[in-house]
N, C-alpha and C. Protein backbone atom coordinates (compact mmCIF):
# COMPACT_ATOMS: atom_id res chain seq x y z
N MET A 1 -65.97 33.37 -20.98
CA MET A 1 -66.98 32.69 -20.18
C MET A 1 -66.56 31.26 -19.87
N GLN A 2 -66.01 30.55 -20.88
CA GLN A 2 -65.58 29.17 -20.68
C GLN A 2 -64.49 29.10 -19.61
N LYS A 3 -63.56 30.04 -19.66
CA LYS A 3 -62.47 30.06 -18.69
C LYS A 3 -62.99 30.38 -17.30
N ASP A 4 -63.94 31.30 -17.20
CA ASP A 4 -64.52 31.66 -15.90
C ASP A 4 -65.26 30.47 -15.29
N LEU A 5 -65.97 29.72 -16.14
CA LEU A 5 -66.70 28.55 -15.67
C LEU A 5 -65.73 27.47 -15.19
N ALA A 6 -64.63 27.31 -15.92
CA ALA A 6 -63.61 26.34 -15.54
C ALA A 6 -63.02 26.71 -14.18
N LEU A 7 -62.79 27.99 -13.97
CA LEU A 7 -62.22 28.46 -12.70
C LEU A 7 -63.13 28.10 -11.53
N GLU A 8 -64.43 28.27 -11.71
CA GLU A 8 -65.39 27.94 -10.65
C GLU A 8 -65.39 26.44 -10.37
N LYS A 9 -65.30 25.63 -11.41
CA LYS A 9 -65.29 24.18 -11.22
C LYS A 9 -64.03 23.73 -10.49
N VAL A 10 -62.92 24.36 -10.80
CA VAL A 10 -61.66 24.01 -10.13
C VAL A 10 -61.73 24.43 -8.66
N LYS A 11 -62.34 25.58 -8.38
CA LYS A 11 -62.51 26.01 -6.99
C LYS A 11 -63.31 24.97 -6.19
N ASN A 12 -64.36 24.44 -6.82
CA ASN A 12 -65.17 23.42 -6.16
C ASN A 12 -64.36 22.15 -5.89
N LEU A 13 -63.54 21.78 -6.84
CA LEU A 13 -62.69 20.59 -6.68
C LEU A 13 -61.71 20.77 -5.52
N ILE A 14 -61.13 21.95 -5.43
CA ILE A 14 -60.19 22.24 -4.34
C ILE A 14 -60.93 22.20 -3.00
N GLY A 15 -62.16 22.66 -2.99
CA GLY A 15 -62.98 22.59 -1.78
C GLY A 15 -63.23 21.15 -1.37
N ASN A 16 -63.53 20.29 -2.36
CA ASN A 16 -63.74 18.87 -2.08
C ASN A 16 -62.46 18.22 -1.54
N TYR A 17 -61.34 18.61 -2.13
CA TYR A 17 -60.05 18.08 -1.68
C TYR A 17 -59.78 18.49 -0.23
N GLN A 18 -60.08 19.73 0.10
CA GLN A 18 -59.83 20.22 1.46
C GLN A 18 -60.69 19.47 2.48
N GLU A 19 -61.92 19.10 2.06
CA GLU A 19 -62.78 18.32 2.94
C GLU A 19 -62.16 16.96 3.24
N VAL A 20 -61.62 16.33 2.20
CA VAL A 20 -60.97 15.02 2.37
C VAL A 20 -59.80 15.14 3.34
N VAL A 21 -59.02 16.22 3.20
CA VAL A 21 -57.87 16.44 4.08
C VAL A 21 -58.35 16.66 5.52
N ASN A 22 -59.33 17.54 5.69
CA ASN A 22 -59.82 17.88 7.03
C ASN A 22 -60.42 16.68 7.76
N GLU A 23 -61.03 15.78 7.00
CA GLU A 23 -61.67 14.60 7.60
C GLU A 23 -60.71 13.44 7.77
N GLY A 24 -59.45 13.64 7.40
CA GLY A 24 -58.44 12.61 7.58
C GLY A 24 -58.60 11.42 6.66
N ARG A 25 -59.22 11.63 5.50
CA ARG A 25 -59.46 10.51 4.57
C ARG A 25 -58.41 10.43 3.47
N ILE A 26 -57.44 11.32 3.49
CA ILE A 26 -56.49 11.43 2.39
C ILE A 26 -55.69 10.14 2.18
N SER A 27 -55.33 9.47 3.28
CA SER A 27 -54.51 8.26 3.17
C SER A 27 -55.30 7.07 2.64
N LYS A 28 -56.63 7.16 2.68
CA LYS A 28 -57.46 6.07 2.20
C LYS A 28 -57.71 6.12 0.70
N TYR A 29 -57.31 7.21 0.08
CA TYR A 29 -57.53 7.37 -1.35
C TYR A 29 -56.47 6.60 -2.13
N ASN A 30 -56.91 5.60 -2.92
CA ASN A 30 -55.99 4.90 -3.81
C ASN A 30 -55.96 5.60 -5.16
N GLU A 31 -55.21 5.05 -6.09
CA GLU A 31 -55.05 5.72 -7.39
C GLU A 31 -56.37 5.84 -8.14
N GLU A 32 -57.16 4.78 -8.14
CA GLU A 32 -58.43 4.80 -8.88
C GLU A 32 -59.38 5.84 -8.32
N MET A 33 -59.45 5.95 -7.00
CA MET A 33 -60.31 6.95 -6.36
C MET A 33 -59.82 8.36 -6.68
N THR A 34 -58.50 8.53 -6.67
CA THR A 34 -57.92 9.85 -6.98
C THR A 34 -58.25 10.26 -8.40
N LYS A 35 -58.14 9.32 -9.33
CA LYS A 35 -58.45 9.61 -10.73
C LYS A 35 -59.93 9.97 -10.89
N LYS A 36 -60.79 9.16 -10.31
CA LYS A 36 -62.24 9.33 -10.48
C LYS A 36 -62.77 10.61 -9.84
N ASP A 37 -62.30 10.91 -8.62
CA ASP A 37 -62.88 12.04 -7.88
C ASP A 37 -62.19 13.38 -8.13
N PHE A 38 -60.92 13.33 -8.61
CA PHE A 38 -60.19 14.59 -8.71
C PHE A 38 -59.49 14.82 -10.05
N ILE A 39 -58.72 13.84 -10.53
CA ILE A 39 -57.93 14.08 -11.74
C ILE A 39 -58.80 14.22 -12.99
N LEU A 40 -59.70 13.27 -13.21
CA LEU A 40 -60.59 13.38 -14.37
C LEU A 40 -61.50 14.60 -14.28
N PRO A 41 -62.11 14.88 -13.13
CA PRO A 41 -62.92 16.11 -13.02
C PRO A 41 -62.11 17.39 -13.28
N LEU A 42 -60.82 17.37 -12.90
CA LEU A 42 -59.98 18.55 -13.16
C LEU A 42 -59.86 18.80 -14.66
N PHE A 43 -59.60 17.75 -15.41
CA PHE A 43 -59.43 17.94 -16.85
C PHE A 43 -60.77 18.12 -17.57
N GLU A 44 -61.82 17.61 -16.98
CA GLU A 44 -63.15 17.89 -17.52
C GLU A 44 -63.46 19.38 -17.35
N ALA A 45 -63.07 19.95 -16.21
CA ALA A 45 -63.25 21.38 -15.98
C ALA A 45 -62.45 22.20 -16.99
N LEU A 46 -61.34 21.64 -17.47
CA LEU A 46 -60.49 22.34 -18.44
C LEU A 46 -60.96 22.11 -19.88
N GLY A 47 -62.14 21.55 -20.02
CA GLY A 47 -62.76 21.48 -21.34
C GLY A 47 -62.61 20.17 -22.08
N TRP A 48 -61.99 19.16 -21.46
CA TRP A 48 -61.81 17.88 -22.13
C TRP A 48 -63.03 16.99 -21.91
N LYS A 49 -63.43 16.27 -22.96
CA LYS A 49 -64.57 15.35 -22.87
C LYS A 49 -64.07 14.01 -22.34
N THR A 50 -64.00 13.91 -21.03
CA THR A 50 -63.39 12.72 -20.41
C THR A 50 -64.22 11.46 -20.59
N THR A 51 -65.49 11.60 -20.99
CA THR A 51 -66.33 10.42 -21.21
C THR A 51 -66.29 9.96 -22.66
N ASP A 52 -65.61 10.69 -23.51
CA ASP A 52 -65.48 10.34 -24.93
C ASP A 52 -64.12 9.68 -25.14
N SER A 53 -64.11 8.37 -25.37
CA SER A 53 -62.86 7.63 -25.49
C SER A 53 -62.04 8.04 -26.70
N ARG A 54 -62.66 8.69 -27.67
CA ARG A 54 -61.91 9.17 -28.82
C ARG A 54 -61.08 10.40 -28.47
N GLU A 55 -61.51 11.11 -27.42
CA GLU A 55 -60.78 12.31 -27.00
C GLU A 55 -59.89 12.03 -25.78
N VAL A 56 -60.41 11.28 -24.84
CA VAL A 56 -59.63 10.92 -23.65
C VAL A 56 -59.69 9.40 -23.50
N SER A 57 -58.62 8.73 -23.87
CA SER A 57 -58.59 7.27 -23.83
C SER A 57 -57.96 6.81 -22.52
N ALA A 58 -58.50 5.75 -21.94
CA ALA A 58 -57.99 5.22 -20.66
C ALA A 58 -57.24 3.92 -20.88
N GLU A 59 -56.20 3.72 -20.06
CA GLU A 59 -55.42 2.48 -20.08
C GLU A 59 -54.95 2.13 -21.48
N GLU A 60 -54.34 3.09 -22.13
CA GLU A 60 -53.86 2.88 -23.49
C GLU A 60 -52.52 2.16 -23.49
N LYS A 61 -52.41 1.11 -24.32
CA LYS A 61 -51.20 0.30 -24.34
C LYS A 61 -50.10 1.01 -25.12
N ILE A 62 -48.94 1.14 -24.47
CA ILE A 62 -47.77 1.78 -25.09
C ILE A 62 -46.53 0.96 -24.73
N SER A 63 -45.87 0.43 -25.74
CA SER A 63 -44.62 -0.30 -25.55
C SER A 63 -44.75 -1.36 -24.44
N LYS A 64 -45.78 -2.21 -24.57
CA LYS A 64 -46.04 -3.33 -23.66
C LYS A 64 -46.48 -2.89 -22.26
N LYS A 65 -46.69 -1.59 -22.07
CA LYS A 65 -47.20 -1.09 -20.80
C LYS A 65 -48.45 -0.26 -21.07
N ARG A 66 -49.03 0.27 -20.03
CA ARG A 66 -50.26 1.03 -20.21
C ARG A 66 -50.16 2.39 -19.51
N VAL A 67 -50.48 3.43 -20.26
CA VAL A 67 -50.52 4.77 -19.69
C VAL A 67 -51.95 5.03 -19.24
N ASP A 68 -52.11 5.83 -18.20
CA ASP A 68 -53.45 6.04 -17.65
C ASP A 68 -54.40 6.72 -18.64
N TYR A 69 -53.94 7.81 -19.26
CA TYR A 69 -54.82 8.53 -20.19
C TYR A 69 -54.05 9.15 -21.35
N GLY A 70 -54.67 9.11 -22.52
CA GLY A 70 -54.17 9.83 -23.67
C GLY A 70 -55.20 10.88 -24.06
N PHE A 71 -54.75 12.10 -24.32
CA PHE A 71 -55.65 13.21 -24.67
C PHE A 71 -55.43 13.59 -26.13
N ARG A 72 -56.51 13.62 -26.92
CA ARG A 72 -56.41 13.87 -28.35
C ARG A 72 -57.41 14.91 -28.83
N ILE A 73 -57.05 15.58 -29.90
CA ILE A 73 -57.98 16.46 -30.61
C ILE A 73 -57.94 16.04 -32.07
N ASN A 74 -59.09 15.67 -32.60
CA ASN A 74 -59.19 15.17 -33.98
C ASN A 74 -58.22 14.02 -34.22
N ALA A 75 -58.16 13.11 -33.26
CA ALA A 75 -57.35 11.88 -33.32
C ALA A 75 -55.85 12.12 -33.21
N ILE A 76 -55.43 13.37 -33.01
CA ILE A 76 -54.00 13.69 -32.87
C ILE A 76 -53.64 13.79 -31.39
N PRO A 77 -52.67 12.98 -30.91
CA PRO A 77 -52.29 13.02 -29.49
C PRO A 77 -51.73 14.39 -29.11
N LYS A 78 -52.23 14.93 -28.00
CA LYS A 78 -51.75 16.21 -27.50
C LYS A 78 -50.87 16.03 -26.25
N PHE A 79 -51.26 15.10 -25.40
CA PHE A 79 -50.40 14.74 -24.27
C PHE A 79 -50.88 13.41 -23.68
N PHE A 80 -49.96 12.78 -22.94
CA PHE A 80 -50.30 11.56 -22.21
C PHE A 80 -50.12 11.84 -20.72
N LEU A 81 -51.04 11.28 -19.94
CA LEU A 81 -51.07 11.58 -18.51
C LEU A 81 -50.89 10.31 -17.68
N GLU A 82 -49.95 10.37 -16.77
CA GLU A 82 -49.73 9.30 -15.80
C GLU A 82 -50.23 9.79 -14.45
N ALA A 83 -51.18 9.05 -13.88
CA ALA A 83 -51.81 9.45 -12.62
C ALA A 83 -51.28 8.62 -11.45
N LYS A 84 -51.20 9.25 -10.29
CA LYS A 84 -50.79 8.57 -9.07
C LYS A 84 -51.75 8.95 -7.94
N SER A 85 -51.70 8.19 -6.86
CA SER A 85 -52.54 8.50 -5.71
C SER A 85 -51.91 9.63 -4.90
N PHE A 86 -52.68 10.19 -3.98
CA PHE A 86 -52.20 11.30 -3.15
C PHE A 86 -50.89 10.97 -2.44
N LYS A 87 -50.76 9.73 -1.97
CA LYS A 87 -49.62 9.37 -1.12
C LYS A 87 -48.32 9.22 -1.89
N GLU A 88 -48.38 9.14 -3.22
CA GLU A 88 -47.17 8.90 -4.01
C GLU A 88 -46.34 10.17 -4.15
N ASP A 89 -45.02 10.02 -4.11
CA ASP A 89 -44.08 11.13 -4.28
C ASP A 89 -43.79 11.31 -5.77
N LEU A 90 -44.25 12.40 -6.34
CA LEU A 90 -44.10 12.62 -7.78
C LEU A 90 -42.67 12.98 -8.18
N ASP A 91 -41.80 13.18 -7.19
CA ASP A 91 -40.39 13.43 -7.51
C ASP A 91 -39.62 12.12 -7.69
N THR A 92 -40.29 10.99 -7.53
CA THR A 92 -39.66 9.69 -7.74
C THR A 92 -39.24 9.55 -9.19
N ARG A 93 -37.96 9.29 -9.40
CA ARG A 93 -37.42 9.25 -10.76
C ARG A 93 -38.17 8.25 -11.64
N LYS A 94 -38.51 7.10 -11.10
CA LYS A 94 -39.21 6.07 -11.87
C LYS A 94 -40.52 6.59 -12.45
N TYR A 95 -41.26 7.35 -11.66
CA TYR A 95 -42.54 7.88 -12.12
C TYR A 95 -42.35 8.90 -13.24
N ILE A 96 -41.34 9.75 -13.08
CA ILE A 96 -41.07 10.77 -14.09
C ILE A 96 -40.64 10.13 -15.41
N GLU A 97 -39.73 9.17 -15.33
CA GLU A 97 -39.27 8.48 -16.54
C GLU A 97 -40.41 7.72 -17.19
N GLN A 98 -41.29 7.17 -16.38
CA GLN A 98 -42.44 6.44 -16.88
C GLN A 98 -43.35 7.36 -17.71
N ALA A 99 -43.67 8.51 -17.16
CA ALA A 99 -44.55 9.46 -17.85
C ALA A 99 -43.93 9.94 -19.16
N ILE A 100 -42.65 10.30 -19.12
CA ILE A 100 -41.96 10.79 -20.31
C ILE A 100 -41.87 9.70 -21.39
N SER A 101 -41.58 8.48 -20.96
CA SER A 101 -41.41 7.37 -21.89
C SER A 101 -42.68 7.10 -22.68
N TYR A 102 -43.83 7.16 -22.01
CA TYR A 102 -45.10 6.91 -22.69
C TYR A 102 -45.30 7.89 -23.84
N ALA A 103 -45.09 9.17 -23.56
CA ALA A 103 -45.29 10.19 -24.60
C ALA A 103 -44.26 10.05 -25.71
N TRP A 104 -43.02 9.77 -25.33
CA TRP A 104 -41.94 9.66 -26.31
C TRP A 104 -42.19 8.51 -27.29
N HIS A 105 -42.64 7.39 -26.80
CA HIS A 105 -42.90 6.24 -27.66
C HIS A 105 -44.06 6.49 -28.63
N LYS A 106 -44.92 7.43 -28.29
CA LYS A 106 -46.04 7.78 -29.17
C LYS A 106 -45.72 8.99 -30.04
N GLY A 107 -44.49 9.49 -29.96
CA GLY A 107 -44.11 10.66 -30.75
C GLY A 107 -44.87 11.91 -30.35
N CYS A 108 -45.24 11.99 -29.08
CA CYS A 108 -46.02 13.12 -28.56
C CYS A 108 -45.10 13.99 -27.70
N THR A 109 -45.22 15.29 -27.84
CA THR A 109 -44.32 16.21 -27.13
C THR A 109 -44.54 16.21 -25.62
N TRP A 110 -45.80 16.23 -25.18
CA TRP A 110 -46.08 16.54 -23.78
C TRP A 110 -46.50 15.35 -22.94
N ALA A 111 -45.97 15.30 -21.73
CA ALA A 111 -46.31 14.27 -20.75
C ALA A 111 -46.68 14.95 -19.44
N ILE A 112 -47.74 14.46 -18.81
CA ILE A 112 -48.21 15.03 -17.54
C ILE A 112 -48.13 13.95 -16.46
N LEU A 113 -47.62 14.33 -15.31
CA LEU A 113 -47.59 13.46 -14.14
C LEU A 113 -48.31 14.19 -13.02
N THR A 114 -49.36 13.56 -12.46
CA THR A 114 -50.12 14.27 -11.44
C THR A 114 -50.80 13.32 -10.46
N ASN A 115 -51.00 13.79 -9.25
CA ASN A 115 -51.86 13.12 -8.26
C ASN A 115 -52.88 14.13 -7.72
N PHE A 116 -53.15 15.14 -8.50
CA PHE A 116 -54.01 16.28 -8.20
C PHE A 116 -53.35 17.24 -7.22
N GLU A 117 -52.77 16.76 -6.14
CA GLU A 117 -52.08 17.65 -5.20
C GLU A 117 -50.95 18.39 -5.91
N GLN A 118 -50.28 17.68 -6.81
CA GLN A 118 -49.19 18.27 -7.59
C GLN A 118 -49.38 17.92 -9.05
N LEU A 119 -48.86 18.78 -9.91
CA LEU A 119 -48.97 18.55 -11.35
C LEU A 119 -47.67 18.97 -12.01
N LYS A 120 -47.09 18.04 -12.77
CA LYS A 120 -45.83 18.31 -13.46
C LYS A 120 -46.03 18.14 -14.97
N ILE A 121 -45.41 19.05 -15.74
CA ILE A 121 -45.47 19.01 -17.19
C ILE A 121 -44.07 18.75 -17.73
N PHE A 122 -43.95 17.74 -18.59
CA PHE A 122 -42.64 17.40 -19.16
C PHE A 122 -42.68 17.44 -20.68
N ASN A 123 -41.57 17.87 -21.26
CA ASN A 123 -41.40 17.81 -22.71
C ASN A 123 -40.66 16.51 -23.02
N ALA A 124 -41.37 15.55 -23.60
CA ALA A 124 -40.79 14.24 -23.87
C ALA A 124 -39.75 14.28 -24.98
N GLU A 125 -39.67 15.38 -25.71
CA GLU A 125 -38.69 15.50 -26.79
C GLU A 125 -37.31 15.87 -26.25
N VAL A 126 -37.26 16.34 -25.00
CA VAL A 126 -35.99 16.70 -24.37
C VAL A 126 -35.41 15.45 -23.74
N ARG A 127 -34.38 14.89 -24.36
CA ARG A 127 -33.74 13.69 -23.84
C ARG A 127 -32.52 14.10 -23.02
N ALA A 128 -32.56 13.82 -21.74
CA ALA A 128 -31.48 14.24 -20.84
C ALA A 128 -31.14 13.13 -19.86
N ASP A 129 -29.93 13.18 -19.32
CA ASP A 129 -29.52 12.19 -18.32
C ASP A 129 -30.41 12.26 -17.09
N HIS A 130 -30.82 13.46 -16.74
CA HIS A 130 -31.69 13.66 -15.59
C HIS A 130 -33.07 14.07 -16.10
N PRO A 131 -34.08 13.23 -15.92
CA PRO A 131 -35.42 13.53 -16.47
C PRO A 131 -36.03 14.81 -15.95
N TRP A 132 -35.57 15.29 -14.77
CA TRP A 132 -36.10 16.55 -14.23
C TRP A 132 -35.83 17.72 -15.17
N MET A 133 -34.78 17.59 -16.00
CA MET A 133 -34.43 18.66 -16.93
C MET A 133 -35.48 18.82 -18.03
N SER A 134 -36.33 17.83 -18.18
CA SER A 134 -37.39 17.89 -19.19
C SER A 134 -38.63 18.61 -18.69
N GLN A 135 -38.64 19.00 -17.41
CA GLN A 135 -39.84 19.60 -16.84
C GLN A 135 -40.00 21.05 -17.27
N LEU A 136 -41.23 21.39 -17.65
CA LEU A 136 -41.56 22.77 -18.02
C LEU A 136 -42.09 23.49 -16.78
N LYS A 137 -41.36 24.50 -16.34
CA LYS A 137 -41.77 25.31 -15.18
C LYS A 137 -41.75 24.49 -13.89
N PRO A 138 -41.81 25.14 -12.76
CA PRO A 138 -41.87 24.43 -11.47
C PRO A 138 -43.18 23.65 -11.34
N THR A 139 -43.16 22.69 -10.41
CA THR A 139 -44.35 21.90 -10.13
C THR A 139 -45.49 22.80 -9.69
N LEU A 140 -46.70 22.54 -10.21
CA LEU A 140 -47.87 23.33 -9.85
C LEU A 140 -48.64 22.58 -8.77
N HIS A 141 -48.82 23.20 -7.61
CA HIS A 141 -49.54 22.58 -6.49
C HIS A 141 -51.00 22.99 -6.53
N CYS A 142 -51.86 22.10 -6.06
CA CYS A 142 -53.30 22.38 -6.14
C CYS A 142 -53.68 23.64 -5.36
N LYS A 143 -52.94 23.94 -4.29
CA LYS A 143 -53.23 25.15 -3.52
C LYS A 143 -52.98 26.42 -4.34
N ASP A 144 -52.25 26.25 -5.46
CA ASP A 144 -51.95 27.40 -6.31
C ASP A 144 -52.73 27.38 -7.63
N PHE A 145 -53.63 26.41 -7.78
CA PHE A 145 -54.39 26.31 -9.02
C PHE A 145 -55.17 27.59 -9.33
N ILE A 146 -55.69 28.23 -8.31
CA ILE A 146 -56.52 29.42 -8.53
C ILE A 146 -55.66 30.64 -8.80
N ASN A 147 -54.67 30.88 -7.93
CA ASN A 147 -53.81 32.06 -8.11
C ASN A 147 -52.98 31.97 -9.39
N ASN A 148 -52.66 30.75 -9.81
CA ASN A 148 -51.89 30.56 -11.05
C ASN A 148 -52.75 29.86 -12.11
N PHE A 149 -53.98 30.31 -12.21
CA PHE A 149 -54.92 29.61 -13.09
C PHE A 149 -54.50 29.67 -14.55
N ASP A 150 -53.82 30.74 -14.95
CA ASP A 150 -53.37 30.85 -16.34
C ASP A 150 -52.40 29.71 -16.69
N GLU A 151 -51.59 29.30 -15.72
CA GLU A 151 -50.67 28.19 -15.97
C GLU A 151 -51.43 26.87 -16.08
N LEU A 152 -52.41 26.68 -15.21
CA LEU A 152 -53.23 25.47 -15.29
C LEU A 152 -54.02 25.45 -16.60
N TRP A 153 -54.45 26.61 -17.04
CA TRP A 153 -55.25 26.71 -18.27
C TRP A 153 -54.45 26.30 -19.51
N LEU A 154 -53.14 26.28 -19.41
CA LEU A 154 -52.32 25.83 -20.53
C LEU A 154 -52.61 24.39 -20.90
N LEU A 155 -53.21 23.63 -19.96
CA LEU A 155 -53.55 22.23 -20.21
C LEU A 155 -55.00 22.06 -20.65
N SER A 156 -55.68 23.16 -20.88
CA SER A 156 -57.08 23.08 -21.32
C SER A 156 -57.16 22.66 -22.79
N ARG A 157 -58.31 22.19 -23.16
CA ARG A 157 -58.52 21.81 -24.56
C ARG A 157 -58.36 23.02 -25.47
N GLU A 158 -58.91 24.14 -25.04
CA GLU A 158 -58.81 25.38 -25.82
C GLU A 158 -57.35 25.78 -26.03
N SER A 159 -56.54 25.63 -24.98
CA SER A 159 -55.12 25.96 -25.09
C SER A 159 -54.42 25.11 -26.14
N PHE A 160 -54.72 23.81 -26.16
CA PHE A 160 -54.07 22.94 -27.14
C PHE A 160 -54.57 23.20 -28.55
N GLU A 161 -55.81 23.64 -28.67
CA GLU A 161 -56.32 24.01 -29.99
C GLU A 161 -55.55 25.21 -30.55
N LYS A 162 -55.12 26.09 -29.65
CA LYS A 162 -54.40 27.31 -30.06
C LYS A 162 -52.88 27.16 -29.98
N GLY A 163 -52.40 26.01 -29.49
CA GLY A 163 -50.96 25.80 -29.38
C GLY A 163 -50.29 26.65 -28.33
N LEU A 164 -51.03 27.03 -27.28
CA LEU A 164 -50.50 27.95 -26.28
C LEU A 164 -49.37 27.35 -25.45
N LEU A 165 -49.43 26.04 -25.18
CA LEU A 165 -48.37 25.42 -24.39
C LEU A 165 -47.05 25.43 -25.15
N ASN A 166 -47.11 25.19 -26.46
CA ASN A 166 -45.89 25.24 -27.28
C ASN A 166 -45.28 26.64 -27.27
N ILE A 167 -46.14 27.65 -27.37
CA ILE A 167 -45.67 29.03 -27.36
C ILE A 167 -45.01 29.35 -26.02
N GLU A 168 -45.64 28.92 -24.93
CA GLU A 168 -45.09 29.16 -23.60
C GLU A 168 -43.75 28.45 -23.42
N ALA A 169 -43.67 27.22 -23.95
CA ALA A 169 -42.44 26.45 -23.82
C ALA A 169 -41.29 27.10 -24.57
N GLU A 170 -41.57 27.71 -25.72
CA GLU A 170 -40.54 28.40 -26.48
C GLU A 170 -39.99 29.59 -25.69
N LYS A 171 -40.86 30.26 -24.93
CA LYS A 171 -40.42 31.39 -24.11
C LYS A 171 -39.45 30.92 -23.02
N TRP A 172 -39.71 29.73 -22.51
CA TRP A 172 -38.89 29.19 -21.42
C TRP A 172 -37.68 28.43 -21.95
N GLY A 173 -37.54 28.33 -23.26
CA GLY A 173 -36.43 27.61 -23.85
C GLY A 173 -36.54 26.11 -23.68
N LYS A 174 -37.78 25.63 -23.48
CA LYS A 174 -38.00 24.20 -23.29
C LYS A 174 -38.54 23.53 -24.54
N LYS A 175 -38.60 24.28 -25.61
CA LYS A 175 -39.06 23.70 -26.88
C LYS A 175 -38.45 24.51 -28.01
N ALA A 176 -37.77 23.83 -28.90
CA ALA A 176 -37.13 24.51 -30.02
C ALA A 176 -38.18 25.10 -30.95
N LYS A 177 -37.94 26.34 -31.39
CA LYS A 177 -38.86 26.94 -32.33
C LYS A 177 -38.76 26.24 -33.68
N LYS A 178 -39.92 26.09 -34.33
CA LYS A 178 -39.96 25.43 -35.62
C LYS A 178 -39.30 26.30 -36.69
N THR A 179 -38.36 25.70 -37.42
CA THR A 179 -37.71 26.41 -38.52
C THR A 179 -38.42 26.07 -39.82
N PRO A 180 -38.76 27.07 -40.65
CA PRO A 180 -39.42 26.80 -41.93
C PRO A 180 -38.61 25.80 -42.75
N ILE A 181 -39.31 24.95 -43.51
CA ILE A 181 -38.66 23.88 -44.26
C ILE A 181 -37.63 24.41 -45.24
N ASN A 182 -37.91 25.55 -45.89
CA ASN A 182 -36.94 26.09 -46.86
C ASN A 182 -35.66 26.55 -46.16
N GLN A 183 -35.82 27.08 -44.91
CA GLN A 183 -34.64 27.50 -44.15
C GLN A 183 -33.82 26.30 -43.71
N ARG A 184 -34.53 25.21 -43.29
CA ARG A 184 -33.82 24.00 -42.88
C ARG A 184 -33.05 23.40 -44.05
N LEU A 185 -33.65 23.39 -45.24
CA LEU A 185 -32.98 22.85 -46.42
C LEU A 185 -31.75 23.67 -46.77
N LEU A 186 -31.88 25.00 -46.66
CA LEU A 186 -30.74 25.88 -46.95
C LEU A 186 -29.63 25.65 -45.93
N ASN A 187 -30.00 25.51 -44.65
CA ASN A 187 -29.00 25.27 -43.61
C ASN A 187 -28.27 23.94 -43.85
N ASP A 188 -29.03 22.91 -44.22
CA ASP A 188 -28.43 21.60 -44.49
C ASP A 188 -27.50 21.67 -45.69
N PHE A 189 -27.96 22.36 -46.74
CA PHE A 189 -27.16 22.48 -47.96
C PHE A 189 -25.82 23.18 -47.66
N THR A 190 -25.90 24.28 -46.91
CA THR A 190 -24.69 25.04 -46.57
C THR A 190 -23.75 24.20 -45.71
N TYR A 191 -24.31 23.47 -44.77
CA TYR A 191 -23.50 22.63 -43.87
C TYR A 191 -22.76 21.55 -44.65
N PHE A 192 -23.48 20.82 -45.50
CA PHE A 192 -22.84 19.72 -46.23
C PHE A 192 -21.88 20.22 -47.32
N ARG A 193 -22.20 21.39 -47.88
CA ARG A 193 -21.28 21.98 -48.87
C ARG A 193 -19.95 22.34 -48.21
N ASP A 194 -20.03 22.84 -46.97
CA ASP A 194 -18.82 23.21 -46.24
C ASP A 194 -17.97 21.97 -45.94
N ILE A 195 -18.64 20.89 -45.52
CA ILE A 195 -17.91 19.64 -45.25
C ILE A 195 -17.25 19.12 -46.52
N LEU A 196 -17.99 19.12 -47.63
CA LEU A 196 -17.47 18.62 -48.90
C LEU A 196 -16.28 19.45 -49.35
N SER A 197 -16.39 20.78 -49.20
CA SER A 197 -15.31 21.66 -49.62
C SER A 197 -14.04 21.40 -48.82
N ARG A 198 -14.19 21.22 -47.50
CA ARG A 198 -13.02 20.97 -46.66
C ARG A 198 -12.38 19.62 -46.97
N ASN A 199 -13.19 18.64 -47.28
CA ASN A 199 -12.65 17.32 -47.63
C ASN A 199 -11.90 17.35 -48.96
N ILE A 200 -12.45 18.09 -49.93
CA ILE A 200 -11.78 18.22 -51.23
C ILE A 200 -10.43 18.89 -51.06
N THR A 201 -10.42 19.94 -50.24
CA THR A 201 -9.17 20.67 -49.99
C THR A 201 -8.13 19.76 -49.33
N LYS A 202 -8.59 18.97 -48.36
CA LYS A 202 -7.67 18.10 -47.64
C LYS A 202 -7.08 17.01 -48.53
N LEU A 203 -7.91 16.47 -49.42
CA LEU A 203 -7.45 15.39 -50.31
C LEU A 203 -6.60 15.90 -51.47
N ASN A 204 -6.60 17.22 -51.67
CA ASN A 204 -5.83 17.79 -52.78
C ASN A 204 -4.92 18.91 -52.29
N GLU A 205 -4.30 18.68 -51.13
CA GLU A 205 -3.46 19.72 -50.53
C GLU A 205 -2.32 20.16 -51.43
N ASN A 206 -1.78 19.25 -52.21
CA ASN A 206 -0.62 19.56 -53.06
C ASN A 206 -0.99 20.26 -54.36
N LYS A 207 -2.25 20.33 -54.67
CA LYS A 207 -2.68 20.89 -55.96
C LYS A 207 -3.03 22.37 -55.88
N LYS A 208 -3.07 22.93 -54.69
CA LYS A 208 -3.36 24.35 -54.48
C LYS A 208 -4.62 24.78 -55.24
N LEU A 209 -5.73 24.14 -54.88
CA LEU A 209 -6.99 24.45 -55.56
C LEU A 209 -7.50 25.83 -55.18
N SER A 210 -8.09 26.49 -56.18
CA SER A 210 -8.69 27.81 -55.94
C SER A 210 -10.08 27.60 -55.32
N GLU A 211 -10.68 28.69 -54.90
CA GLU A 211 -12.03 28.62 -54.30
C GLU A 211 -13.04 28.08 -55.30
N GLU A 212 -12.88 28.45 -56.59
CA GLU A 212 -13.79 28.00 -57.63
C GLU A 212 -13.64 26.51 -57.88
N ASP A 213 -12.39 26.01 -57.80
CA ASP A 213 -12.16 24.58 -58.04
C ASP A 213 -12.82 23.72 -56.97
N ARG A 214 -12.95 24.25 -55.77
CA ARG A 214 -13.55 23.50 -54.69
C ARG A 214 -15.07 23.41 -54.88
């Protein structure tokens, strides 16, 4: 029921957007208007309490700059969102690096860059020469919000409660699967033991050490 209700709200938002386009008002929308009329209502439709600053914080200071919104559940950051106006090109490298940097400095995996017309999801843990390589899936356009609603729903509050975006990212190879701590310790132990053994052998080449001596 919650998902069905969200779908209807998103349909209404797309209808409002189409009115703005048809009336030729799209170029008059600045960033603040875009956030107020479309971006915040979109995430409110996805179950986020946008009026609760403990859940959705605005203008949060990060590394001497400010990100537009931080989204949290039980005080734990789930993603940071950088918003732009309709007229801005979201493929601009500066904007992408900006969004990723905010999340990375907060130790948060996910960064969102959107102007409502387009929506991009980035994994801030993926450090690459080209920031586009950090993007999860192709850009989602508002005209496809309904037909690809399951993808949009990955950004819902319910989705983050269930960890659905992480699961989806693992399928796409955009997020490393978590290795159990005991397995990581065993892997580290084996790795360092191998290095130590090779170094001992190298330093004692003339002594013909047996496997047990190493």
